């Protein structure tokens, strides 16, 4: 029983580490896409017809 419990705890720790790494990678991806989006040239909102 103790052997099973130790194996279960090891699997749970591994799962938590993998989940944490996934969250960090996902947040990093969102940060990179946000930075790239901000660097795109913006077109000024100027009306083309003058009155």
C-alpha atoms as a PDB file:
ATOM      1  CA  UNK A   1       0.000   0.000   0.000  1.00  0.00           C
ATOM      2  CA  UNK A   2       2.841   2.367   0.851  1.00  0.00           C
ATOM      3  CA  UNK A   3       4.458   1.634  -2.518  1.00  0.00           C
ATOM      4  CA  UNK A   4       1.217   2.475  -4.325  1.00  0.00           C
ATOM      5  CA  UNK A   5       0.853   5.722  -2.376  1.00  0.00           C
ATOM      6  CA  UNK A   6       4.407   6.809  -3.186  1.00  0.00           C
ATOM      7  CA  UNK A   7       3.846   6.098  -6.873  1.00  0.00           C
ATOM      8  CA  UNK A   8       0.575   8.021  -6.827  1.00  0.00           C
ATOM      9  CA  UNK A   9       2.234  11.041  -5.181  1.00  0.00           C
ATOM     10  CA  UNK A  10       5.044  10.959  -7.751  1.00  0.00           C
ATOM     11  CA  UNK A  11       2.515  10.923 -10.599  1.00  0.00           C
ATOM     12  CA  UNK A  12       0.584  13.810  -9.040  1.00  0.00           C
ATOM     13  CA  UNK A  13       3.739  15.909  -8.627  1.00  0.00           C
ATOM     14  CA  UNK A  14       4.721  15.244 -12.233  1.00  0.00           C
ATOM     15  CA  UNK A  15       1.237  16.203 -13.410  1.00  0.00           C
ATOM     16  CA  UNK A  16       1.361  19.454 -11.452  1.00  0.00           C
ATOM     17  CA  UNK A  17       4.784  20.350 -12.860  1.00  0.00           C
ATOM     18  CA  UNK A  18       3.625  19.674 -16.426  1.00  0.00           C
ATOM     19  CA  UNK A  19       0.457  21.721 -15.883  1.00  0.00           C
ATOM     20  CA  UNK A  20       2.466  24.618 -14.445  1.00  0.00           C
ATOM     21  CA  UNK A  21       4.874  24.524 -17.390  1.00  0.00           C
ATOM     22  CA  UNK A  22       1.902  24.551 -19.774  1.00  0.00           C
ATOM     23  CA  UNK A  23       0.402  27.600 -18.080  1.00  0.00           C
ATOM     24  CA  UNK A  24       3.743  29.432 -18.189  1.00  0.00           C
ATOM     25  CA  UNK A  25       4.199  28.646 -21.881  1.00  0.00           C
ATOM     26  CA  UNK A  26       0.632  29.719 -22.659  1.00  0.00           C
ATOM     27  CA  UNK A  27       1.046  33.036 -20.835  1.00  0.00           C
ATOM     28  CA  UNK A  28       4.366  33.603 -22.593  1.00  0.00           C
ATOM     29  CA  UNK A  29       2.702  32.957 -25.940  1.00  0.00           C
ATOM     30  CA  UNK A  30      -0.031  35.469 -25.118  1.00  0.00           C
ATOM     31  CA  UNK A  31       2.590  38.021 -24.105  1.00  0.00           C
ATOM     32  CA  UNK A  32       4.530  37.566 -27.341  1.00  0.00           C
ATOM     33  CA  UNK A  33       1.431  37.909 -29.495  1.00  0.00           C
ATOM     34  CA  UNK A  34       0.452  41.033 -27.567  1.00  0.00           C
ATOM     35  CA  UNK A  35       3.886  42.599 -28.127  1.00  0.00           C
ATOM     36  CA  UNK A  36       3.833  41.747 -31.841  1.00  0.00           C
ATOM     37  CA  UNK A  37       0.338  43.190 -32.173  1.00  0.00           C
ATOM     38  CA  UNK A  38       1.433  46.465 -30.563  1.00  0.00           C
ATOM     39  CA  UNK A  39       4.366  46.829 -32.978  1.00  0.00           C
ATOM     40  CA  UNK A  40       2.181  46.679 -36.085  1.00  0.00           C
ATOM     41  CA  UNK A  41       1.957  50.050 -37.836  1.00  0.00           C
ATOM     42  CA  UNK A  42      -1.278  51.762 -37.003  1.00  0.00           C
ATOM     43  CA  UNK A  43      -3.218  53.598 -39.676  1.00  0.00           C
ATOM     44  CA  UNK A  44      -4.301  57.020 -38.451  1.00  0.00           C
ATOM     45  CA  UNK A  45      -8.047  57.550 -38.390  1.00  0.00           C
ATOM     46  CA  UNK A  46      -8.213  60.645 -40.605  1.00  0.00           C
ATOM     47  CA  UNK A  47     -11.200  61.298 -42.838  1.00  0.00           C
ATOM     48  CA  UNK A  48     -10.250  61.334 -46.518  1.00  0.00           C
ATOM     49  CA  UNK A  49     -12.824  63.945 -47.505  1.00  0.00           C
ATOM     50  CA  UNK A  50     -12.368  67.495 -46.326  1.00  0.00           C
ATOM     51  CA  UNK A  51     -15.327  69.786 -45.897  1.00  0.00           C
END
